[in-house]
Amino acid sequence: AAGPSGSASGLLSDPDGRAFVFRAAREVQAGMIDGLRIPTDRGVAGWVARHRRSVRLDDVASDPRHFTEFGRQTGLVPRTMVCVPMISKDTLRGVIQMINKVDGSSFSEAELFHAQTLADHAAIAIENASLYHQAYLASITDDLTGLGNTQHFNRSLGELIGRGGIVSLIIFDLDNFKAVVDPF
C-alpha cells in the first residue's frame, strides 16, 4: 500500500481572488507554511484553479507550471504532487495540494481520485461555514449602516467585562440621527 504524502495543504482563495492563503497545512514541521500567500496566477495550484482540473505530477521540477519561489520561501522541494480544485456551486473555494509521498513513490490515479473526493466534500464544508458566518454577521449588525446592533453591544460588553480590567463606555445622543441615516 502507498504511504501518505510528506506535505498536504489546503490553499483557500482570499476574498478578492488574487491570492491563495495556505491553511490547514500538514507537513514535517506543522504550521510552517500556514498563512503564506501565493498569487493565484502562479504555479500548479494557480493552473488548477484557473482550469478547474486536477493534476497529478510524477516530476514537479520538469513541469513548466512549477512555481520555484515557493520552494525558496518554505524549503519544501516538491518532487511528486497531486493538486485538486475545491469547487462548490460553481465557485472555486481553493485547492488541495499534496506533495512528496513519504515512501518516495509517485501518486496513483486512485489517490488523485480520493483527493478530488475529499476536495469536493471540503468545498461544501467551506461554503457552509461561509454561509454560517454571513448569517452570524447579519444577526449582529444593522442592515442599513453596517454598525453593530444591540445584540452585538450586549455580547461585546459581556465579553469585555468578563476579561477583567478597565472598560470605558461612551454614549452619544444624536438628535435627529434618523434624518441623516434614512437618506444616506
N, C-alpha and C. Protein backbone atom coordinates (compact mmCIF):
# COMPACT_ATOMS: atom_id res chain seq x y z
N ALA A 1 0.84 -1.18 0.00
CA ALA A 1 0.00 0.00 0.00
C ALA A 1 0.88 1.24 0.00
N ALA A 2 0.42 2.26 -0.67
CA ALA A 2 1.18 3.50 -0.77
C ALA A 2 1.13 4.25 0.55
N GLY A 3 2.22 4.96 0.85
CA GLY A 3 2.29 5.74 2.08
C GLY A 3 1.68 7.12 1.88
N PRO A 4 1.49 7.85 2.97
CA PRO A 4 0.90 9.18 2.90
C PRO A 4 1.89 10.18 2.32
N SER A 5 1.39 11.38 2.02
CA SER A 5 2.25 12.42 1.47
C SER A 5 3.07 13.05 2.59
N GLY A 6 4.20 13.63 2.21
CA GLY A 6 5.04 14.33 3.16
C GLY A 6 4.47 15.68 3.53
N SER A 7 3.64 16.25 2.66
CA SER A 7 3.04 17.55 2.92
C SER A 7 1.67 17.60 2.27
N ALA A 8 0.71 18.12 2.99
CA ALA A 8 -0.62 18.34 2.43
C ALA A 8 -1.09 19.70 2.89
N SER A 9 -1.66 20.48 1.99
CA SER A 9 -2.10 21.82 2.34
C SER A 9 -3.42 22.13 1.67
N GLY A 10 -4.24 22.88 2.38
CA GLY A 10 -5.43 23.47 1.78
C GLY A 10 -5.11 24.92 1.47
N LEU A 11 -5.19 25.31 0.22
CA LEU A 11 -4.94 26.68 -0.19
C LEU A 11 -6.30 27.30 -0.46
N LEU A 12 -6.70 28.28 0.34
CA LEU A 12 -8.01 28.91 0.20
C LEU A 12 -7.88 30.22 -0.54
N SER A 13 -8.84 30.49 -1.41
CA SER A 13 -8.85 31.75 -2.14
C SER A 13 -9.14 32.88 -1.16
N ASP A 14 -8.38 33.99 -1.28
CA ASP A 14 -8.69 35.14 -0.45
C ASP A 14 -9.91 35.85 -1.02
N PRO A 15 -10.52 36.79 -0.28
CA PRO A 15 -11.78 37.40 -0.73
C PRO A 15 -11.71 38.06 -2.10
N ASP A 16 -10.57 38.65 -2.47
CA ASP A 16 -10.50 39.31 -3.77
C ASP A 16 -10.09 38.36 -4.89
N GLY A 17 -9.76 37.12 -4.55
CA GLY A 17 -9.45 36.11 -5.56
C GLY A 17 -8.09 36.24 -6.21
N ARG A 18 -7.20 37.10 -5.68
CA ARG A 18 -5.90 37.30 -6.31
C ARG A 18 -4.78 36.47 -5.68
N ALA A 19 -5.06 35.83 -4.57
CA ALA A 19 -4.02 35.04 -3.90
C ALA A 19 -4.64 33.84 -3.21
N PHE A 20 -3.80 32.81 -3.04
CA PHE A 20 -4.14 31.68 -2.21
C PHE A 20 -3.45 31.87 -0.88
N VAL A 21 -4.15 31.49 0.19
CA VAL A 21 -3.56 31.53 1.53
C VAL A 21 -3.49 30.09 2.02
N PHE A 22 -2.29 29.66 2.41
CA PHE A 22 -2.14 28.30 2.91
C PHE A 22 -2.83 28.19 4.25
N ARG A 23 -3.73 27.23 4.37
CA ARG A 23 -4.44 26.95 5.61
C ARG A 23 -4.42 25.44 5.82
N ALA A 24 -4.53 25.04 7.04
CA ALA A 24 -4.61 23.61 7.39
C ALA A 24 -3.46 22.83 6.78
N ALA A 25 -2.25 23.40 6.86
CA ALA A 25 -1.09 22.71 6.31
C ALA A 25 -0.65 21.59 7.24
N ARG A 26 -0.27 20.46 6.64
CA ARG A 26 0.28 19.35 7.40
C ARG A 26 1.56 18.92 6.72
N GLU A 27 2.66 19.06 7.41
CA GLU A 27 3.93 18.60 6.89
C GLU A 27 4.84 18.24 8.05
N VAL A 28 6.09 18.02 7.76
CA VAL A 28 7.02 17.59 8.80
C VAL A 28 7.06 18.60 9.93
N GLN A 29 7.09 19.90 9.62
CA GLN A 29 7.02 20.94 10.63
C GLN A 29 5.65 21.58 10.55
N ALA A 30 4.73 21.12 11.37
CA ALA A 30 3.35 21.61 11.30
C ALA A 30 3.31 23.12 11.46
N GLY A 31 2.50 23.77 10.63
CA GLY A 31 2.30 25.22 10.71
C GLY A 31 3.37 26.03 10.01
N MET A 32 4.36 25.40 9.41
CA MET A 32 5.47 26.11 8.80
C MET A 32 5.00 27.04 7.68
N ILE A 33 4.01 26.65 6.92
CA ILE A 33 3.58 27.49 5.81
C ILE A 33 2.18 28.07 5.99
N ASP A 34 1.54 27.82 7.12
CA ASP A 34 0.22 28.39 7.35
C ASP A 34 0.30 29.91 7.23
N GLY A 35 -0.61 30.49 6.46
CA GLY A 35 -0.66 31.93 6.29
C GLY A 35 0.15 32.44 5.11
N LEU A 36 1.02 31.61 4.53
CA LEU A 36 1.79 32.02 3.35
C LEU A 36 0.84 32.30 2.20
N ARG A 37 1.11 33.37 1.46
CA ARG A 37 0.26 33.75 0.34
C ARG A 37 1.03 33.57 -0.97
N ILE A 38 0.37 33.00 -1.98
CA ILE A 38 0.95 32.95 -3.31
C ILE A 38 -0.11 33.44 -4.30
N PRO A 39 0.32 34.12 -5.36
CA PRO A 39 -0.63 34.62 -6.35
C PRO A 39 -1.38 33.47 -7.02
N THR A 40 -2.66 33.68 -7.31
CA THR A 40 -3.47 32.62 -7.93
C THR A 40 -3.08 32.38 -9.39
N ASP A 41 -2.27 33.25 -9.96
CA ASP A 41 -1.85 33.04 -11.34
C ASP A 41 -0.49 32.34 -11.43
N ARG A 42 0.00 31.80 -10.32
CA ARG A 42 1.32 31.16 -10.31
C ARG A 42 1.20 29.70 -9.93
N GLY A 43 2.12 28.93 -10.44
CA GLY A 43 2.30 27.56 -10.02
C GLY A 43 1.22 26.60 -10.47
N VAL A 44 1.41 25.37 -10.05
CA VAL A 44 0.46 24.30 -10.38
C VAL A 44 -0.90 24.62 -9.75
N ALA A 45 -0.89 25.11 -8.51
CA ALA A 45 -2.16 25.44 -7.85
C ALA A 45 -2.93 26.50 -8.62
N GLY A 46 -2.23 27.50 -9.15
CA GLY A 46 -2.88 28.54 -9.95
C GLY A 46 -3.48 27.96 -11.22
N TRP A 47 -2.75 27.05 -11.87
CA TRP A 47 -3.26 26.41 -13.08
C TRP A 47 -4.51 25.59 -12.77
N VAL A 48 -4.45 24.83 -11.68
CA VAL A 48 -5.60 24.02 -11.27
C VAL A 48 -6.81 24.92 -11.00
N ALA A 49 -6.57 26.05 -10.35
CA ALA A 49 -7.66 26.98 -10.04
C ALA A 49 -8.26 27.57 -11.32
N ARG A 50 -7.40 28.01 -12.24
CA ARG A 50 -7.90 28.62 -13.48
C ARG A 50 -8.65 27.63 -14.36
N HIS A 51 -8.12 26.41 -14.47
CA HIS A 51 -8.71 25.41 -15.36
C HIS A 51 -9.72 24.50 -14.67
N ARG A 52 -9.73 24.57 -13.33
CA ARG A 52 -10.64 23.75 -12.53
C ARG A 52 -10.52 22.27 -12.87
N ARG A 53 -9.26 21.85 -13.04
CA ARG A 53 -8.97 20.45 -13.35
C ARG A 53 -7.88 19.96 -12.41
N SER A 54 -7.98 18.71 -12.02
CA SER A 54 -6.99 18.08 -11.14
C SER A 54 -5.71 17.78 -11.91
N VAL A 55 -4.60 17.73 -11.16
CA VAL A 55 -3.30 17.44 -11.76
C VAL A 55 -2.57 16.42 -10.88
N ARG A 56 -1.92 15.46 -11.53
CA ARG A 56 -1.04 14.51 -10.86
C ARG A 56 0.30 14.58 -11.58
N LEU A 57 1.37 14.90 -10.85
CA LEU A 57 2.69 15.05 -11.45
C LEU A 57 3.68 14.08 -10.82
N ASP A 58 4.43 13.38 -11.68
CA ASP A 58 5.47 12.47 -11.21
C ASP A 58 6.81 13.18 -11.05
N ASP A 59 7.00 14.32 -11.75
CA ASP A 59 8.25 15.08 -11.67
C ASP A 59 7.90 16.57 -11.73
N VAL A 60 7.66 17.16 -10.57
CA VAL A 60 7.21 18.54 -10.49
C VAL A 60 8.20 19.51 -11.12
N ALA A 61 9.50 19.30 -10.86
CA ALA A 61 10.52 20.24 -11.32
C ALA A 61 10.55 20.38 -12.84
N SER A 62 10.17 19.36 -13.57
CA SER A 62 10.20 19.43 -15.03
C SER A 62 8.92 20.02 -15.62
N ASP A 63 7.93 20.30 -14.78
CA ASP A 63 6.67 20.86 -15.28
C ASP A 63 6.80 22.38 -15.39
N PRO A 64 6.44 22.95 -16.54
CA PRO A 64 6.57 24.40 -16.73
C PRO A 64 5.69 25.24 -15.80
N ARG A 65 4.68 24.63 -15.19
CA ARG A 65 3.78 25.37 -14.28
C ARG A 65 4.37 25.51 -12.88
N HIS A 66 5.44 24.80 -12.59
CA HIS A 66 6.04 24.78 -11.26
C HIS A 66 6.50 26.18 -10.86
N PHE A 67 6.14 26.61 -9.66
CA PHE A 67 6.49 27.93 -9.12
C PHE A 67 7.65 27.75 -8.16
N THR A 68 8.87 28.00 -8.62
CA THR A 68 10.07 27.71 -7.83
C THR A 68 10.20 28.61 -6.60
N GLU A 69 9.59 29.79 -6.61
CA GLU A 69 9.69 30.71 -5.48
C GLU A 69 9.12 30.08 -4.21
N PHE A 70 8.11 29.23 -4.34
CA PHE A 70 7.53 28.56 -3.18
C PHE A 70 8.59 27.75 -2.43
N GLY A 71 9.41 27.02 -3.16
CA GLY A 71 10.46 26.22 -2.54
C GLY A 71 11.48 27.09 -1.84
N ARG A 72 11.81 28.24 -2.44
CA ARG A 72 12.77 29.14 -1.80
C ARG A 72 12.20 29.73 -0.50
N GLN A 73 10.90 30.01 -0.48
CA GLN A 73 10.27 30.60 0.71
C GLN A 73 10.10 29.60 1.83
N THR A 74 9.86 28.35 1.50
CA THR A 74 9.49 27.37 2.52
C THR A 74 10.55 26.29 2.78
N GLY A 75 11.43 26.08 1.83
CA GLY A 75 12.39 24.99 1.95
C GLY A 75 11.82 23.65 1.52
N LEU A 76 10.53 23.61 1.15
CA LEU A 76 9.92 22.38 0.66
C LEU A 76 10.22 22.23 -0.83
N VAL A 77 10.76 21.10 -1.22
CA VAL A 77 11.09 20.85 -2.62
C VAL A 77 10.15 19.75 -3.12
N PRO A 78 9.14 20.13 -3.91
CA PRO A 78 8.21 19.12 -4.39
C PRO A 78 8.83 18.27 -5.50
N ARG A 79 8.67 16.95 -5.37
CA ARG A 79 9.11 16.02 -6.40
C ARG A 79 7.89 15.44 -7.11
N THR A 80 6.93 14.94 -6.33
CA THR A 80 5.68 14.44 -6.89
C THR A 80 4.54 15.24 -6.27
N MET A 81 3.42 15.30 -6.97
CA MET A 81 2.33 16.16 -6.49
C MET A 81 0.98 15.70 -7.01
N VAL A 82 -0.03 15.94 -6.17
CA VAL A 82 -1.43 15.88 -6.56
C VAL A 82 -2.02 17.23 -6.16
N CYS A 83 -2.74 17.86 -7.07
CA CYS A 83 -3.36 19.15 -6.78
C CYS A 83 -4.77 19.13 -7.37
N VAL A 84 -5.78 19.39 -6.52
CA VAL A 84 -7.18 19.29 -6.95
C VAL A 84 -7.95 20.54 -6.54
N PRO A 85 -8.91 20.97 -7.39
CA PRO A 85 -9.70 22.16 -7.05
C PRO A 85 -10.82 21.82 -6.06
N MET A 86 -11.16 22.80 -5.21
CA MET A 86 -12.31 22.69 -4.31
C MET A 86 -13.38 23.62 -4.87
N ILE A 87 -14.42 23.03 -5.46
CA ILE A 87 -15.47 23.80 -6.11
C ILE A 87 -16.81 23.43 -5.52
N SER A 88 -17.61 24.44 -5.18
CA SER A 88 -18.95 24.22 -4.69
C SER A 88 -19.87 25.23 -5.34
N LYS A 89 -20.96 24.75 -5.92
CA LYS A 89 -21.92 25.61 -6.62
C LYS A 89 -21.21 26.53 -7.60
N ASP A 90 -20.32 25.94 -8.39
CA ASP A 90 -19.58 26.63 -9.44
C ASP A 90 -18.67 27.75 -8.93
N THR A 91 -18.37 27.75 -7.62
CA THR A 91 -17.47 28.74 -7.04
C THR A 91 -16.22 28.04 -6.55
N LEU A 92 -15.06 28.52 -6.98
CA LEU A 92 -13.80 27.98 -6.53
C LEU A 92 -13.55 28.43 -5.10
N ARG A 93 -13.40 27.49 -4.18
CA ARG A 93 -13.13 27.80 -2.78
C ARG A 93 -11.64 27.74 -2.48
N GLY A 94 -10.87 27.04 -3.32
CA GLY A 94 -9.44 26.89 -3.14
C GLY A 94 -8.97 25.61 -3.79
N VAL A 95 -7.80 25.15 -3.41
CA VAL A 95 -7.26 23.89 -3.92
C VAL A 95 -6.64 23.11 -2.77
N ILE A 96 -6.57 21.80 -2.95
CA ILE A 96 -5.83 20.94 -2.03
C ILE A 96 -4.62 20.43 -2.79
N GLN A 97 -3.47 20.53 -2.15
CA GLN A 97 -2.22 20.14 -2.79
C GLN A 97 -1.48 19.18 -1.88
N MET A 98 -1.06 18.05 -2.41
CA MET A 98 -0.26 17.09 -1.65
C MET A 98 1.04 16.87 -2.41
N ILE A 99 2.16 16.91 -1.69
CA ILE A 99 3.45 16.71 -2.35
C ILE A 99 4.26 15.63 -1.63
N ASN A 100 5.10 14.96 -2.42
CA ASN A 100 6.13 14.04 -1.92
C ASN A 100 5.61 12.96 -0.98
N LYS A 101 5.21 11.85 -1.58
CA LYS A 101 4.80 10.72 -0.75
C LYS A 101 5.96 10.30 0.15
N VAL A 102 5.62 9.91 1.35
CA VAL A 102 6.64 9.55 2.34
C VAL A 102 7.52 8.41 1.83
N ASP A 103 6.95 7.47 1.10
CA ASP A 103 7.75 6.33 0.62
C ASP A 103 8.52 6.66 -0.66
N GLY A 104 8.41 7.90 -1.17
CA GLY A 104 9.18 8.32 -2.34
C GLY A 104 8.56 7.95 -3.67
N SER A 105 7.47 7.21 -3.67
CA SER A 105 6.85 6.82 -4.94
C SER A 105 5.95 7.94 -5.47
N SER A 106 5.45 7.75 -6.68
CA SER A 106 4.53 8.72 -7.30
C SER A 106 3.11 8.46 -6.81
N PHE A 107 2.30 9.49 -6.89
CA PHE A 107 0.88 9.34 -6.56
C PHE A 107 0.19 8.56 -7.66
N SER A 108 -0.79 7.75 -7.28
CA SER A 108 -1.54 6.95 -8.25
C SER A 108 -2.80 7.68 -8.69
N GLU A 109 -3.41 7.18 -9.74
CA GLU A 109 -4.70 7.73 -10.19
C GLU A 109 -5.77 7.55 -9.12
N ALA A 110 -5.70 6.44 -8.38
CA ALA A 110 -6.66 6.21 -7.30
C ALA A 110 -6.50 7.26 -6.21
N GLU A 111 -5.26 7.63 -5.90
CA GLU A 111 -5.02 8.66 -4.88
C GLU A 111 -5.50 10.03 -5.38
N LEU A 112 -5.34 10.28 -6.67
CA LEU A 112 -5.87 11.51 -7.26
C LEU A 112 -7.39 11.54 -7.12
N PHE A 113 -8.04 10.44 -7.40
CA PHE A 113 -9.49 10.34 -7.27
C PHE A 113 -9.93 10.59 -5.82
N HIS A 114 -9.22 9.99 -4.86
CA HIS A 114 -9.57 10.18 -3.45
C HIS A 114 -9.36 11.62 -3.01
N ALA A 115 -8.29 12.24 -3.51
CA ALA A 115 -8.03 13.65 -3.18
C ALA A 115 -9.15 14.54 -3.73
N GLN A 116 -9.63 14.24 -4.94
CA GLN A 116 -10.71 15.04 -5.51
C GLN A 116 -12.01 14.84 -4.74
N THR A 117 -12.27 13.62 -4.29
CA THR A 117 -13.45 13.36 -3.47
C THR A 117 -13.38 14.15 -2.17
N LEU A 118 -12.21 14.15 -1.53
CA LEU A 118 -12.00 14.94 -0.32
C LEU A 118 -12.23 16.42 -0.60
N ALA A 119 -11.69 16.92 -1.72
CA ALA A 119 -11.84 18.34 -2.08
C ALA A 119 -13.30 18.70 -2.30
N ASP A 120 -14.06 17.80 -2.92
CA ASP A 120 -15.49 18.07 -3.14
C ASP A 120 -16.23 18.24 -1.82
N HIS A 121 -15.93 17.37 -0.86
CA HIS A 121 -16.56 17.47 0.46
C HIS A 121 -16.08 18.72 1.21
N ALA A 122 -14.79 19.02 1.10
CA ALA A 122 -14.24 20.19 1.77
C ALA A 122 -14.86 21.48 1.22
N ALA A 123 -15.08 21.54 -0.09
CA ALA A 123 -15.68 22.74 -0.70
C ALA A 123 -17.08 22.99 -0.14
N ILE A 124 -17.86 21.93 0.05
CA ILE A 124 -19.20 22.07 0.62
C ILE A 124 -19.11 22.55 2.06
N ALA A 125 -18.17 21.99 2.82
CA ALA A 125 -18.00 22.41 4.22
C ALA A 125 -17.57 23.87 4.31
N ILE A 126 -16.67 24.30 3.43
CA ILE A 126 -16.22 25.70 3.41
C ILE A 126 -17.38 26.61 3.04
N GLU A 127 -18.18 26.21 2.07
CA GLU A 127 -19.35 27.01 1.68
C GLU A 127 -20.32 27.14 2.86
N ASN A 128 -20.59 26.04 3.54
CA ASN A 128 -21.50 26.08 4.69
C ASN A 128 -20.96 26.97 5.80
N ALA A 129 -19.66 26.89 6.06
CA ALA A 129 -19.05 27.75 7.08
C ALA A 129 -19.16 29.22 6.68
N SER A 130 -18.99 29.50 5.41
CA SER A 130 -19.10 30.88 4.92
C SER A 130 -20.53 31.39 5.08
N LEU A 131 -21.50 30.56 4.74
CA LEU A 131 -22.90 30.96 4.89
C LEU A 131 -23.25 31.18 6.36
N TYR A 132 -22.75 30.32 7.23
CA TYR A 132 -22.99 30.47 8.67
C TYR A 132 -22.39 31.79 9.16
N HIS A 133 -21.17 32.09 8.72
CA HIS A 133 -20.51 33.32 9.13
C HIS A 133 -21.28 34.55 8.64
N GLN A 134 -21.77 34.50 7.40
CA GLN A 134 -22.57 35.61 6.86
C GLN A 134 -23.84 35.80 7.68
N ALA A 135 -24.50 34.70 8.04
CA ALA A 135 -25.72 34.79 8.84
C ALA A 135 -25.42 35.36 10.22
N TYR A 136 -24.30 34.94 10.81
CA TYR A 136 -23.91 35.46 12.12
C TYR A 136 -23.67 36.97 12.04
N LEU A 137 -22.91 37.42 11.04
CA LEU A 137 -22.65 38.85 10.89
C LEU A 137 -23.94 39.63 10.67
N ALA A 138 -24.87 39.07 9.90
CA ALA A 138 -26.15 39.74 9.68
C ALA A 138 -26.94 39.86 10.98
N SER A 139 -26.77 38.90 11.89
CA SER A 139 -27.53 38.92 13.13
C SER A 139 -27.01 39.95 14.14
N ILE A 140 -25.77 40.40 13.96
CA ILE A 140 -25.20 41.34 14.94
C ILE A 140 -24.92 42.72 14.35
N THR A 141 -25.36 42.97 13.11
CA THR A 141 -25.14 44.28 12.51
C THR A 141 -26.44 44.85 11.97
N ASP A 142 -26.48 46.17 11.90
CA ASP A 142 -27.62 46.88 11.33
C ASP A 142 -27.55 46.78 9.81
N ASP A 143 -28.64 46.41 9.16
CA ASP A 143 -28.66 46.25 7.71
C ASP A 143 -28.31 47.54 6.97
N LEU A 144 -28.79 48.65 7.46
CA LEU A 144 -28.63 49.92 6.77
C LEU A 144 -27.22 50.50 6.94
N THR A 145 -26.72 50.53 8.16
CA THR A 145 -25.44 51.20 8.43
C THR A 145 -24.26 50.26 8.50
N GLY A 146 -24.51 48.97 8.77
CA GLY A 146 -23.42 48.02 8.93
C GLY A 146 -22.77 48.10 10.30
N LEU A 147 -23.30 48.93 11.16
CA LEU A 147 -22.78 49.07 12.52
C LEU A 147 -23.33 47.96 13.41
N GLY A 148 -22.60 47.69 14.49
CA GLY A 148 -23.07 46.69 15.44
C GLY A 148 -24.41 47.07 16.04
N ASN A 149 -25.26 46.08 16.24
CA ASN A 149 -26.58 46.33 16.81
C ASN A 149 -26.57 46.05 18.32
N THR A 150 -27.75 46.11 18.94
CA THR A 150 -27.86 45.90 20.38
C THR A 150 -27.34 44.52 20.79
N GLN A 151 -27.63 43.50 20.00
CA GLN A 151 -27.14 42.15 20.32
C GLN A 151 -25.60 42.14 20.33
N HIS A 152 -25.00 42.80 19.37
CA HIS A 152 -23.53 42.88 19.31
C HIS A 152 -22.99 43.63 20.53
N PHE A 153 -23.64 44.72 20.87
CA PHE A 153 -23.23 45.51 22.04
C PHE A 153 -23.29 44.66 23.31
N ASN A 154 -24.42 43.99 23.53
CA ASN A 154 -24.58 43.19 24.74
C ASN A 154 -23.54 42.07 24.82
N ARG A 155 -23.29 41.40 23.69
CA ARG A 155 -22.31 40.31 23.68
C ARG A 155 -20.90 40.86 23.92
N SER A 156 -20.55 41.96 23.24
CA SER A 156 -19.21 42.53 23.38
C SER A 156 -18.97 43.06 24.78
N LEU A 157 -19.95 43.76 25.34
CA LEU A 157 -19.79 44.31 26.68
C LEU A 157 -19.60 43.19 27.70
N GLY A 158 -20.40 42.13 27.57
CA GLY A 158 -20.27 41.00 28.48
C GLY A 158 -18.89 40.35 28.39
N GLU A 159 -18.35 40.21 27.16
CA GLU A 159 -17.02 39.62 26.99
C GLU A 159 -15.94 40.52 27.59
N LEU A 160 -16.06 41.83 27.37
CA LEU A 160 -15.08 42.77 27.92
C LEU A 160 -15.07 42.76 29.44
N ILE A 161 -16.24 42.78 30.03
CA ILE A 161 -16.33 42.77 31.49
C ILE A 161 -15.79 41.45 32.03
N GLY A 162 -16.08 40.35 31.33
CA GLY A 162 -15.61 39.03 31.75
C GLY A 162 -14.10 38.91 31.75
N ARG A 163 -13.41 39.64 30.89
CA ARG A 163 -11.95 39.59 30.84
C ARG A 163 -11.30 40.32 32.01
N GLY A 164 -12.05 41.19 32.65
CA GLY A 164 -11.49 42.00 33.73
C GLY A 164 -10.78 43.22 33.16
N GLY A 165 -10.27 44.03 34.02
CA GLY A 165 -9.57 45.22 33.56
C GLY A 165 -10.54 46.39 33.42
N ILE A 166 -10.03 47.46 32.86
CA ILE A 166 -10.79 48.70 32.72
C ILE A 166 -11.63 48.67 31.45
N VAL A 167 -12.88 49.08 31.57
CA VAL A 167 -13.79 49.20 30.44
C VAL A 167 -14.35 50.61 30.44
N SER A 168 -14.26 51.26 29.30
CA SER A 168 -14.84 52.61 29.17
C SER A 168 -16.02 52.53 28.22
N LEU A 169 -17.04 53.29 28.52
CA LEU A 169 -18.23 53.31 27.69
C LEU A 169 -18.59 54.77 27.42
N ILE A 170 -18.69 55.12 26.16
CA ILE A 170 -19.05 56.48 25.76
C ILE A 170 -20.40 56.39 25.05
N ILE A 171 -21.32 57.21 25.46
CA ILE A 171 -22.66 57.22 24.86
C ILE A 171 -22.89 58.57 24.19
N PHE A 172 -23.31 58.52 22.94
CA PHE A 172 -23.68 59.73 22.20
C PHE A 172 -25.19 59.75 22.02
N ASP A 173 -25.78 60.86 22.28
CA ASP A 173 -27.21 61.04 22.00
C ASP A 173 -27.28 62.02 20.83
N LEU A 174 -27.53 61.48 19.64
CA LEU A 174 -27.56 62.31 18.44
C LEU A 174 -29.00 62.65 18.09
N ASP A 175 -29.34 63.92 18.20
CA ASP A 175 -30.69 64.36 17.86
C ASP A 175 -30.89 64.25 16.36
N ASN A 176 -32.07 63.78 15.99
CA ASN A 176 -32.47 63.68 14.58
C ASN A 176 -31.53 62.80 13.74
N PHE A 177 -30.91 61.80 14.34
CA PHE A 177 -29.99 60.93 13.62
C PHE A 177 -30.71 60.18 12.50
N LYS A 178 -31.97 59.86 12.71
CA LYS A 178 -32.75 59.16 11.69
C LYS A 178 -32.82 59.99 10.40
N ALA A 179 -32.88 61.29 10.53
CA ALA A 179 -32.93 62.16 9.35
C ALA A 179 -31.62 62.08 8.54
N VAL A 180 -30.53 61.73 9.19
CA VAL A 180 -29.25 61.57 8.48
C VAL A 180 -29.14 60.15 7.90
N VAL A 181 -29.53 59.16 8.67
CA VAL A 181 -29.38 57.76 8.26
C VAL A 181 -30.29 57.41 7.09
N ASP A 182 -31.55 57.79 7.15
CA ASP A 182 -32.50 57.37 6.13
C ASP A 182 -32.12 57.79 4.71
N PRO A 183 -31.77 59.05 4.45
CA PRO A 183 -31.44 59.40 3.06
C PRO A 183 -30.08 58.86 2.59
N PHE A 184 -29.17 58.59 3.53
CA PHE A 184 -27.84 58.16 3.12
C PHE A 184 -27.59 56.70 3.42
